[in-house]
């Protein structure tokens, strides 16, 4: 599958309110834009995941950082995240499943992000398939990043800020 620059699937960084949202769930103004502008907050894990996908597509790195679990934000590599966002042409998002209640505060979203790596000359379409976990803390959803090497013991306070011990909260989801 070859995608030429400017083709139907190309996502512009500067979106107008009437354009379709990169997550594919409606118009940007009624979908992810209010979340990106902090006018609204995600009502569930799937909505947060969709807004994070759109943030990657639109290179809104601050939003990606801010919607990661509070105790993980300092360990994030902003430059690497920006590079991943900028080096890809984001084609579409496919939600495979959403399990909104793993327990009182955790949820799961399985998705496939279709993209072209602009660093490769072949313009080959790729699929990033992920099962992500999310935590609800003080009425806000956050992404739990399993790729971060955190130096935390099971008896320390949880990375989500819940006040519970890590082993009794997010440990089983990372």
N, C-alpha and C. Protein backbone atom coordinates (compact mmCIF):
# COMPACT_ATOMS: atom_id res chain seq x y z
N UNK A 1 0.85 -1.16 0.00
CA UNK A 1 0.00 0.00 0.00
C UNK A 1 0.90 1.23 0.00
N UNK A 2 0.75 2.09 -0.95
CA UNK A 2 1.57 3.29 -1.06
C UNK A 2 0.70 4.51 -0.81
N UNK A 3 1.21 5.43 0.00
CA UNK A 3 0.48 6.65 0.30
C UNK A 3 1.34 7.83 -0.09
N UNK A 4 0.86 8.62 -0.98
CA UNK A 4 1.60 9.81 -1.42
C UNK A 4 1.28 10.98 -0.49
N UNK A 5 2.24 11.85 -0.31
CA UNK A 5 2.03 13.04 0.51
C UNK A 5 0.86 13.83 -0.08
N UNK A 6 -0.04 14.29 0.77
CA UNK A 6 -1.19 15.05 0.32
C UNK A 6 -2.36 14.17 -0.07
N UNK A 7 -2.21 12.87 0.02
CA UNK A 7 -3.28 11.94 -0.31
C UNK A 7 -4.36 12.00 0.77
N UNK A 8 -5.47 11.39 0.53
CA UNK A 8 -6.64 11.37 1.39
C UNK A 8 -6.30 11.12 2.86
N UNK A 9 -5.35 10.25 3.16
CA UNK A 9 -5.07 9.86 4.53
C UNK A 9 -4.12 10.80 5.25
N UNK A 10 -3.53 11.76 4.57
CA UNK A 10 -2.57 12.65 5.22
C UNK A 10 -3.28 13.47 6.28
N UNK A 11 -2.71 13.51 7.49
CA UNK A 11 -3.30 14.25 8.59
C UNK A 11 -2.51 15.53 8.81
N UNK A 12 -3.18 16.63 8.75
CA UNK A 12 -2.54 17.93 8.97
C UNK A 12 -2.36 18.16 10.46
N UNK A 13 -1.30 18.84 10.82
CA UNK A 13 -1.05 19.16 12.22
C UNK A 13 -2.01 20.23 12.70
N UNK A 14 -2.35 21.17 11.84
CA UNK A 14 -3.28 22.23 12.20
C UNK A 14 -4.67 21.85 11.72
N UNK A 15 -5.51 21.47 12.67
CA UNK A 15 -6.86 21.03 12.34
C UNK A 15 -7.83 22.19 12.47
N UNK A 16 -8.81 22.22 11.60
CA UNK A 16 -9.91 23.15 11.77
C UNK A 16 -11.03 22.40 12.45
N UNK A 17 -11.92 23.11 13.09
CA UNK A 17 -12.99 22.49 13.85
C UNK A 17 -13.90 21.62 13.01
N UNK A 18 -14.02 21.91 11.72
CA UNK A 18 -14.93 21.15 10.86
C UNK A 18 -14.29 19.91 10.26
N UNK A 19 -12.99 19.72 10.44
CA UNK A 19 -12.33 18.55 9.88
C UNK A 19 -12.62 17.31 10.72
N UNK A 20 -12.52 16.16 10.07
CA UNK A 20 -12.69 14.89 10.79
C UNK A 20 -11.56 14.71 11.77
N UNK A 21 -11.89 14.18 12.92
CA UNK A 21 -10.90 13.95 13.96
C UNK A 21 -9.96 12.81 13.52
N UNK A 22 -8.67 12.91 13.81
CA UNK A 22 -7.75 11.82 13.45
C UNK A 22 -8.16 10.47 14.03
N UNK A 23 -8.87 10.46 15.16
CA UNK A 23 -9.26 9.18 15.75
C UNK A 23 -10.39 8.51 14.99
N UNK A 24 -11.02 9.25 14.05
CA UNK A 24 -12.06 8.67 13.21
C UNK A 24 -13.44 8.62 13.84
N UNK A 25 -13.64 9.34 14.92
CA UNK A 25 -14.89 9.22 15.67
C UNK A 25 -15.82 10.42 15.49
N UNK A 26 -15.56 11.26 14.52
CA UNK A 26 -16.43 12.42 14.29
C UNK A 26 -15.61 13.64 13.91
N UNK A 27 -16.25 14.80 14.00
CA UNK A 27 -15.54 16.04 13.70
C UNK A 27 -14.64 16.40 14.89
N UNK A 28 -13.48 16.93 14.58
CA UNK A 28 -12.49 17.25 15.60
C UNK A 28 -13.06 18.15 16.69
N UNK A 29 -13.85 19.14 16.33
CA UNK A 29 -14.41 20.09 17.30
C UNK A 29 -15.31 19.42 18.33
N UNK A 30 -15.98 18.36 17.95
CA UNK A 30 -16.89 17.66 18.85
C UNK A 30 -16.30 16.38 19.41
N UNK A 31 -15.06 16.09 19.06
CA UNK A 31 -14.45 14.82 19.45
C UNK A 31 -13.27 15.08 20.39
N UNK A 32 -12.08 15.14 19.85
CA UNK A 32 -10.87 15.24 20.67
C UNK A 32 -10.42 16.67 20.97
N UNK A 33 -10.82 17.64 20.17
CA UNK A 33 -10.37 19.01 20.40
C UNK A 33 -10.72 19.53 21.80
N UNK A 34 -11.95 19.33 22.31
CA UNK A 34 -12.25 19.82 23.66
C UNK A 34 -11.36 19.19 24.74
N UNK A 35 -10.92 17.97 24.52
CA UNK A 35 -10.01 17.33 25.47
C UNK A 35 -8.62 17.92 25.34
N UNK A 36 -8.16 18.11 24.11
CA UNK A 36 -6.84 18.71 23.88
C UNK A 36 -6.76 20.12 24.45
N UNK A 37 -7.86 20.85 24.40
CA UNK A 37 -7.90 22.22 24.91
C UNK A 37 -8.24 22.29 26.41
N UNK A 38 -8.43 21.13 27.03
CA UNK A 38 -8.77 21.01 28.46
C UNK A 38 -10.12 21.65 28.78
N UNK A 39 -11.00 21.70 27.79
CA UNK A 39 -12.36 22.19 28.01
C UNK A 39 -13.23 21.08 28.58
N UNK A 40 -12.84 19.84 28.31
CA UNK A 40 -13.51 18.65 28.81
C UNK A 40 -12.44 17.63 29.17
N UNK A 41 -12.86 16.60 29.91
CA UNK A 41 -11.96 15.50 30.24
C UNK A 41 -12.59 14.21 29.77
N UNK A 42 -11.76 13.25 29.46
CA UNK A 42 -12.24 11.96 28.95
C UNK A 42 -13.19 11.32 29.96
N UNK A 43 -14.31 10.82 29.46
CA UNK A 43 -15.31 10.18 30.31
C UNK A 43 -15.02 8.71 30.53
N UNK A 44 -14.15 8.14 29.70
CA UNK A 44 -13.79 6.73 29.86
C UNK A 44 -12.42 6.50 29.21
N UNK A 45 -11.90 5.30 29.40
CA UNK A 45 -10.56 4.98 28.90
C UNK A 45 -10.49 5.01 27.38
N UNK A 46 -11.54 4.56 26.71
CA UNK A 46 -11.51 4.58 25.24
C UNK A 46 -11.43 6.02 24.72
N UNK A 47 -12.19 6.91 25.32
CA UNK A 47 -12.15 8.30 24.88
C UNK A 47 -10.75 8.90 25.11
N UNK A 48 -10.12 8.56 26.24
CA UNK A 48 -8.77 9.05 26.48
C UNK A 48 -7.80 8.47 25.46
N UNK A 49 -7.92 7.19 25.17
CA UNK A 49 -7.02 6.56 24.20
C UNK A 49 -7.19 7.20 22.83
N UNK A 50 -8.43 7.45 22.41
CA UNK A 50 -8.67 8.10 21.13
C UNK A 50 -8.04 9.51 21.10
N UNK A 51 -8.19 10.23 22.19
CA UNK A 51 -7.63 11.58 22.24
C UNK A 51 -6.10 11.55 22.24
N UNK A 52 -5.51 10.52 22.82
CA UNK A 52 -4.05 10.38 22.80
C UNK A 52 -3.58 10.04 21.38
N UNK A 53 -4.31 9.18 20.68
CA UNK A 53 -3.97 8.88 19.28
C UNK A 53 -4.01 10.18 18.46
N UNK A 54 -5.07 10.95 18.63
CA UNK A 54 -5.18 12.22 17.90
C UNK A 54 -4.05 13.17 18.27
N UNK A 55 -3.65 13.16 19.54
CA UNK A 55 -2.54 14.00 19.97
C UNK A 55 -1.24 13.57 19.30
N UNK A 56 -1.04 12.27 19.14
CA UNK A 56 0.14 11.81 18.39
C UNK A 56 0.07 12.29 16.95
N UNK A 57 -1.10 12.16 16.34
CA UNK A 57 -1.27 12.57 14.94
C UNK A 57 -1.05 14.06 14.76
N UNK A 58 -1.43 14.84 15.76
CA UNK A 58 -1.35 16.30 15.67
C UNK A 58 -0.12 16.86 16.38
N UNK A 59 0.73 15.99 16.86
CA UNK A 59 1.98 16.35 17.53
C UNK A 59 1.74 17.23 18.76
N UNK A 60 0.75 16.88 19.53
CA UNK A 60 0.44 17.60 20.77
C UNK A 60 1.08 16.84 21.93
N UNK A 61 2.37 17.00 22.06
CA UNK A 61 3.18 16.23 22.99
C UNK A 61 2.80 16.51 24.44
N UNK A 62 2.51 17.76 24.78
CA UNK A 62 2.12 18.08 26.16
C UNK A 62 0.92 17.26 26.59
N UNK A 63 -0.05 17.10 25.71
CA UNK A 63 -1.25 16.33 26.05
C UNK A 63 -0.90 14.87 26.32
N UNK A 64 -0.02 14.32 25.52
CA UNK A 64 0.41 12.93 25.71
C UNK A 64 1.07 12.78 27.08
N UNK A 65 1.95 13.70 27.42
CA UNK A 65 2.63 13.65 28.71
C UNK A 65 1.64 13.81 29.87
N UNK A 66 0.75 14.77 29.76
CA UNK A 66 -0.19 15.08 30.84
C UNK A 66 -1.22 13.98 31.09
N UNK A 67 -1.47 13.14 30.11
CA UNK A 67 -2.47 12.09 30.26
C UNK A 67 -1.85 10.73 30.57
N UNK A 68 -0.58 10.74 30.91
CA UNK A 68 0.10 9.54 31.40
C UNK A 68 0.02 9.58 32.92
N UNK A 69 0.00 8.41 33.57
CA UNK A 69 -0.12 8.33 35.03
C UNK A 69 0.84 9.31 35.70
N UNK A 70 0.35 9.97 36.73
CA UNK A 70 1.08 11.05 37.38
C UNK A 70 2.49 10.65 37.80
N UNK A 71 2.65 9.48 38.38
CA UNK A 71 3.95 9.03 38.85
C UNK A 71 4.88 8.59 37.74
N UNK A 72 4.40 8.54 36.51
CA UNK A 72 5.23 8.15 35.38
C UNK A 72 5.67 9.33 34.53
N UNK A 73 5.04 10.46 34.68
CA UNK A 73 5.29 11.60 33.80
C UNK A 73 6.75 12.05 33.80
N UNK A 74 7.39 12.06 34.96
CA UNK A 74 8.79 12.53 35.04
C UNK A 74 9.74 11.60 34.29
N UNK A 75 9.37 10.34 34.13
CA UNK A 75 10.24 9.36 33.46
C UNK A 75 10.06 9.33 31.95
N UNK A 76 9.09 10.08 31.43
CA UNK A 76 8.83 10.07 29.99
C UNK A 76 9.93 10.81 29.23
N UNK A 77 10.25 10.32 28.05
CA UNK A 77 11.26 10.94 27.19
C UNK A 77 10.54 11.80 26.16
N UNK A 78 10.42 13.08 26.45
CA UNK A 78 9.68 14.01 25.59
C UNK A 78 10.22 14.01 24.16
N UNK A 79 11.54 13.99 24.00
CA UNK A 79 12.15 14.02 22.67
C UNK A 79 11.79 12.77 21.89
N UNK A 80 11.85 11.61 22.52
CA UNK A 80 11.50 10.35 21.84
C UNK A 80 10.03 10.32 21.45
N UNK A 81 9.17 10.82 22.33
CA UNK A 81 7.74 10.86 22.02
C UNK A 81 7.48 11.80 20.85
N UNK A 82 8.11 12.96 20.86
CA UNK A 82 7.95 13.91 19.76
C UNK A 82 8.47 13.32 18.45
N UNK A 83 9.58 12.61 18.51
CA UNK A 83 10.14 11.99 17.31
C UNK A 83 9.18 10.94 16.75
N UNK A 84 8.62 10.10 17.63
CA UNK A 84 7.66 9.07 17.21
C UNK A 84 6.43 9.72 16.57
N UNK A 85 5.97 10.79 17.16
CA UNK A 85 4.80 11.51 16.65
C UNK A 85 5.09 12.12 15.28
N UNK A 86 6.23 12.78 15.15
CA UNK A 86 6.56 13.51 13.93
C UNK A 86 7.03 12.61 12.80
N UNK A 87 7.61 11.47 13.12
CA UNK A 87 8.18 10.62 12.07
C UNK A 87 7.15 9.71 11.42
N UNK A 88 5.92 9.76 11.90
CA UNK A 88 4.89 8.89 11.35
C UNK A 88 3.74 9.69 10.74
N UNK A 89 3.19 9.12 9.70
CA UNK A 89 1.96 9.64 9.09
C UNK A 89 0.85 8.74 9.62
N UNK A 90 0.02 9.28 10.47
CA UNK A 90 -1.00 8.49 11.15
C UNK A 90 -2.21 8.34 10.23
N UNK A 91 -2.56 7.09 9.91
CA UNK A 91 -3.58 6.81 8.90
C UNK A 91 -4.96 6.57 9.47
N UNK A 92 -5.05 5.71 10.49
CA UNK A 92 -6.36 5.47 11.10
C UNK A 92 -6.19 4.73 12.42
N UNK A 93 -7.22 4.83 13.23
CA UNK A 93 -7.28 4.15 14.51
C UNK A 93 -8.40 3.12 14.46
N UNK A 94 -8.11 1.95 14.95
CA UNK A 94 -9.10 0.87 15.01
C UNK A 94 -9.16 0.37 16.45
N UNK A 95 -10.29 0.57 17.12
CA UNK A 95 -10.46 0.07 18.48
C UNK A 95 -10.95 -1.37 18.38
N UNK A 96 -10.18 -2.28 18.95
CA UNK A 96 -10.51 -3.71 18.90
C UNK A 96 -11.47 -4.06 20.04
N UNK A 97 -11.16 -3.59 21.24
CA UNK A 97 -12.04 -3.82 22.39
C UNK A 97 -11.80 -2.78 23.47
N UNK A 98 -12.84 -2.55 24.27
CA UNK A 98 -12.76 -1.65 25.42
C UNK A 98 -13.41 -2.38 26.58
N UNK A 99 -12.64 -2.62 27.63
CA UNK A 99 -13.18 -3.22 28.85
C UNK A 99 -13.17 -2.12 29.91
N UNK A 100 -14.32 -1.47 30.10
CA UNK A 100 -14.36 -0.29 30.95
C UNK A 100 -14.21 -0.55 32.45
N UNK A 101 -14.40 -1.77 32.90
CA UNK A 101 -14.36 -2.04 34.34
C UNK A 101 -13.54 -3.29 34.65
N UNK A 102 -12.22 -3.16 34.70
CA UNK A 102 -11.39 -4.27 35.17
C UNK A 102 -11.52 -4.36 36.69
N UNK A 103 -11.67 -3.23 37.33
CA UNK A 103 -12.02 -3.08 38.74
C UNK A 103 -12.61 -1.68 38.87
N UNK A 104 -12.66 -1.14 40.07
CA UNK A 104 -13.30 0.17 40.26
C UNK A 104 -12.60 1.32 39.54
N UNK A 105 -11.29 1.21 39.34
CA UNK A 105 -10.55 2.35 38.80
C UNK A 105 -9.67 2.03 37.59
N UNK A 106 -9.77 0.82 37.06
CA UNK A 106 -8.90 0.44 35.94
C UNK A 106 -9.72 -0.05 34.75
N UNK A 107 -9.21 0.23 33.56
CA UNK A 107 -9.87 -0.17 32.32
C UNK A 107 -8.82 -0.60 31.31
N UNK A 108 -9.27 -1.26 30.26
CA UNK A 108 -8.39 -1.76 29.21
C UNK A 108 -8.94 -1.34 27.86
N UNK A 109 -8.04 -0.96 26.96
CA UNK A 109 -8.41 -0.68 25.57
C UNK A 109 -7.39 -1.37 24.67
N UNK A 110 -7.89 -2.19 23.77
CA UNK A 110 -7.04 -2.81 22.76
C UNK A 110 -7.29 -2.08 21.45
N UNK A 111 -6.21 -1.68 20.78
CA UNK A 111 -6.37 -0.91 19.55
C UNK A 111 -5.26 -1.22 18.56
N UNK A 112 -5.52 -0.79 17.33
CA UNK A 112 -4.52 -0.86 16.26
C UNK A 112 -4.40 0.53 15.66
N UNK A 113 -3.19 1.06 15.67
CA UNK A 113 -2.90 2.36 15.06
C UNK A 113 -2.19 2.10 13.74
N UNK A 114 -2.80 2.50 12.66
CA UNK A 114 -2.23 2.32 11.32
C UNK A 114 -1.43 3.57 10.96
N UNK A 115 -0.21 3.36 10.48
CA UNK A 115 0.66 4.50 10.18
C UNK A 115 1.69 4.14 9.13
N UNK A 116 2.30 5.15 8.55
CA UNK A 116 3.46 5.00 7.67
C UNK A 116 4.63 5.67 8.36
N UNK A 117 5.74 4.97 8.42
CA UNK A 117 6.97 5.52 8.99
C UNK A 117 7.63 6.38 7.93
N UNK A 118 7.63 7.68 8.14
CA UNK A 118 8.16 8.60 7.14
C UNK A 118 9.68 8.55 7.06
N UNK A 119 10.33 7.88 8.03
CA UNK A 119 11.78 7.72 7.99
C UNK A 119 12.19 6.62 7.02
N UNK A 120 11.24 5.76 6.64
CA UNK A 120 11.51 4.70 5.66
C UNK A 120 11.07 5.20 4.29
N UNK A 121 11.87 4.96 3.29
CA UNK A 121 11.55 5.46 1.95
C UNK A 121 10.45 4.71 1.24
N UNK A 122 10.03 3.54 1.75
CA UNK A 122 9.06 2.72 1.02
C UNK A 122 7.61 3.12 1.24
N UNK A 123 7.31 3.95 2.22
CA UNK A 123 5.94 4.37 2.54
C UNK A 123 5.04 3.18 2.85
N UNK A 124 5.63 2.13 3.39
CA UNK A 124 4.89 0.93 3.76
C UNK A 124 3.99 1.21 4.97
N UNK A 125 2.75 0.76 4.90
CA UNK A 125 1.83 0.92 6.03
C UNK A 125 2.19 -0.09 7.11
N UNK A 126 2.14 0.35 8.36
CA UNK A 126 2.44 -0.49 9.51
C UNK A 126 1.25 -0.44 10.46
N UNK A 127 1.20 -1.41 11.36
CA UNK A 127 0.16 -1.43 12.39
C UNK A 127 0.82 -1.57 13.75
N UNK A 128 0.52 -0.63 14.63
CA UNK A 128 0.95 -0.71 16.03
C UNK A 128 -0.24 -1.28 16.80
N UNK A 129 -0.14 -2.53 17.25
CA UNK A 129 -1.22 -3.21 17.96
C UNK A 129 -0.87 -3.22 19.44
N UNK A 130 -1.75 -2.69 20.26
CA UNK A 130 -1.44 -2.53 21.68
C UNK A 130 -2.66 -2.83 22.55
N UNK A 131 -2.39 -3.41 23.69
CA UNK A 131 -3.40 -3.54 24.75
C UNK A 131 -2.95 -2.61 25.86
N UNK A 132 -3.70 -1.55 26.08
CA UNK A 132 -3.32 -0.52 27.04
C UNK A 132 -4.21 -0.56 28.27
N UNK A 133 -3.62 -0.20 29.39
CA UNK A 133 -4.36 -0.09 30.64
C UNK A 133 -4.42 1.37 31.07
N UNK A 134 -5.51 1.70 31.72
CA UNK A 134 -5.77 3.07 32.15
C UNK A 134 -6.26 3.06 33.59
N UNK A 135 -6.02 4.15 34.28
CA UNK A 135 -6.44 4.27 35.67
C UNK A 135 -7.24 5.57 35.84
N UNK A 136 -8.29 5.49 36.64
CA UNK A 136 -9.12 6.65 36.97
C UNK A 136 -8.64 7.19 38.32
N UNK A 137 -8.20 8.44 38.32
CA UNK A 137 -7.73 9.08 39.56
C UNK A 137 -8.33 10.48 39.64
N UNK A 138 -9.04 10.75 40.73
CA UNK A 138 -9.70 12.03 40.95
C UNK A 138 -10.53 12.45 39.73
N UNK A 139 -11.32 11.52 39.23
CA UNK A 139 -12.25 11.71 38.12
C UNK A 139 -11.58 12.02 36.78
N UNK A 140 -10.29 11.68 36.65
CA UNK A 140 -9.57 11.84 35.39
C UNK A 140 -8.93 10.50 35.02
N UNK A 141 -8.99 10.16 33.75
CA UNK A 141 -8.36 8.94 33.25
C UNK A 141 -6.92 9.23 32.85
N UNK A 142 -6.03 8.26 33.14
CA UNK A 142 -4.62 8.35 32.79
C UNK A 142 -4.16 7.03 32.18
N UNK A 143 -3.23 7.13 31.24
CA UNK A 143 -2.60 5.97 30.61
C UNK A 143 -1.51 5.43 31.52
N UNK A 144 -1.47 4.10 31.68
CA UNK A 144 -0.40 3.44 32.42
C UNK A 144 0.61 2.94 31.40
N UNK A 145 1.80 3.50 31.40
CA UNK A 145 2.82 3.16 30.41
C UNK A 145 3.66 1.99 30.90
N UNK A 146 3.50 0.81 30.28
CA UNK A 146 4.25 -0.37 30.72
C UNK A 146 5.70 -0.39 30.24
N UNK A 147 6.08 0.54 29.39
CA UNK A 147 7.43 0.52 28.82
C UNK A 147 8.45 1.25 29.70
N UNK A 148 7.98 1.99 30.68
CA UNK A 148 8.89 2.76 31.53
C UNK A 148 9.53 1.86 32.58
N UNK A 149 10.82 2.03 32.77
CA UNK A 149 11.56 1.28 33.79
C UNK A 149 11.50 2.07 35.08
N UNK A 150 10.51 1.76 35.90
CA UNK A 150 10.33 2.48 37.16
C UNK A 150 11.00 1.72 38.29
N UNK A 151 11.71 2.44 39.11
CA UNK A 151 12.34 1.85 40.29
C UNK A 151 11.37 2.00 41.46
N UNK A 152 10.39 1.12 41.50
CA UNK A 152 9.36 1.20 42.53
C UNK A 152 9.15 -0.20 43.11
N UNK A 153 8.96 -0.25 44.42
CA UNK A 153 8.69 -1.53 45.07
C UNK A 153 7.18 -1.67 45.25
N UNK A 154 6.76 -2.87 45.50
CA UNK A 154 5.34 -3.15 45.65
C UNK A 154 4.72 -2.45 46.85
N UNK A 155 5.53 -2.10 47.83
CA UNK A 155 5.00 -1.47 49.05
C UNK A 155 5.01 0.06 49.00
N UNK A 156 5.57 0.62 47.95
CA UNK A 156 5.59 2.08 47.81
C UNK A 156 4.22 2.58 47.34
N UNK A 157 3.96 3.89 47.52
CA UNK A 157 2.70 4.44 47.01
C UNK A 157 2.58 4.24 45.50
N UNK A 158 1.37 4.02 45.05
CA UNK A 158 1.13 3.74 43.63
C UNK A 158 1.48 4.94 42.76
N UNK A 159 1.89 4.64 41.54
CA UNK A 159 2.27 5.66 40.56
C UNK A 159 1.10 6.53 40.11
N UNK A 160 -0.12 6.06 40.34
CA UNK A 160 -1.29 6.82 39.87
C UNK A 160 -1.69 7.92 40.84
N UNK A 161 -1.13 7.89 42.05
CA UNK A 161 -1.47 8.91 43.03
C UNK A 161 -2.65 8.58 43.91
N UNK A 162 -3.12 7.34 43.86
CA UNK A 162 -4.30 6.94 44.62
C UNK A 162 -4.08 6.91 46.13
N UNK A 163 -2.82 6.80 46.56
CA UNK A 163 -2.52 6.67 47.97
C UNK A 163 -2.43 5.22 48.41
N UNK A 164 -2.88 4.30 47.56
CA UNK A 164 -2.77 2.87 47.86
C UNK A 164 -1.34 2.42 47.58
N UNK A 165 -1.00 1.25 48.12
CA UNK A 165 0.30 0.67 47.79
C UNK A 165 0.26 0.23 46.33
N UNK A 166 1.41 0.31 45.67
CA UNK A 166 1.52 -0.06 44.26
C UNK A 166 0.97 -1.45 44.00
N UNK A 167 1.31 -2.42 44.88
CA UNK A 167 0.87 -3.80 44.66
C UNK A 167 -0.64 -3.96 44.75
N UNK A 168 -1.31 -3.05 45.46
CA UNK A 168 -2.76 -3.13 45.63
C UNK A 168 -3.52 -2.30 44.61
N UNK A 169 -2.78 -1.67 43.70
CA UNK A 169 -3.44 -0.77 42.75
C UNK A 169 -3.03 -1.10 41.31
N UNK A 170 -2.04 -0.41 40.78
CA UNK A 170 -1.70 -0.50 39.35
C UNK A 170 -0.69 -1.58 38.98
N UNK A 171 -0.03 -2.20 39.95
CA UNK A 171 1.03 -3.17 39.64
C UNK A 171 0.56 -4.27 38.71
N UNK A 172 -0.63 -4.78 38.92
CA UNK A 172 -1.12 -5.89 38.09
C UNK A 172 -1.43 -5.48 36.65
N UNK A 173 -1.47 -4.19 36.38
CA UNK A 173 -1.82 -3.71 35.05
C UNK A 173 -0.61 -3.20 34.26
N UNK A 174 0.56 -3.26 34.86
CA UNK A 174 1.77 -2.80 34.17
C UNK A 174 2.68 -3.99 33.92
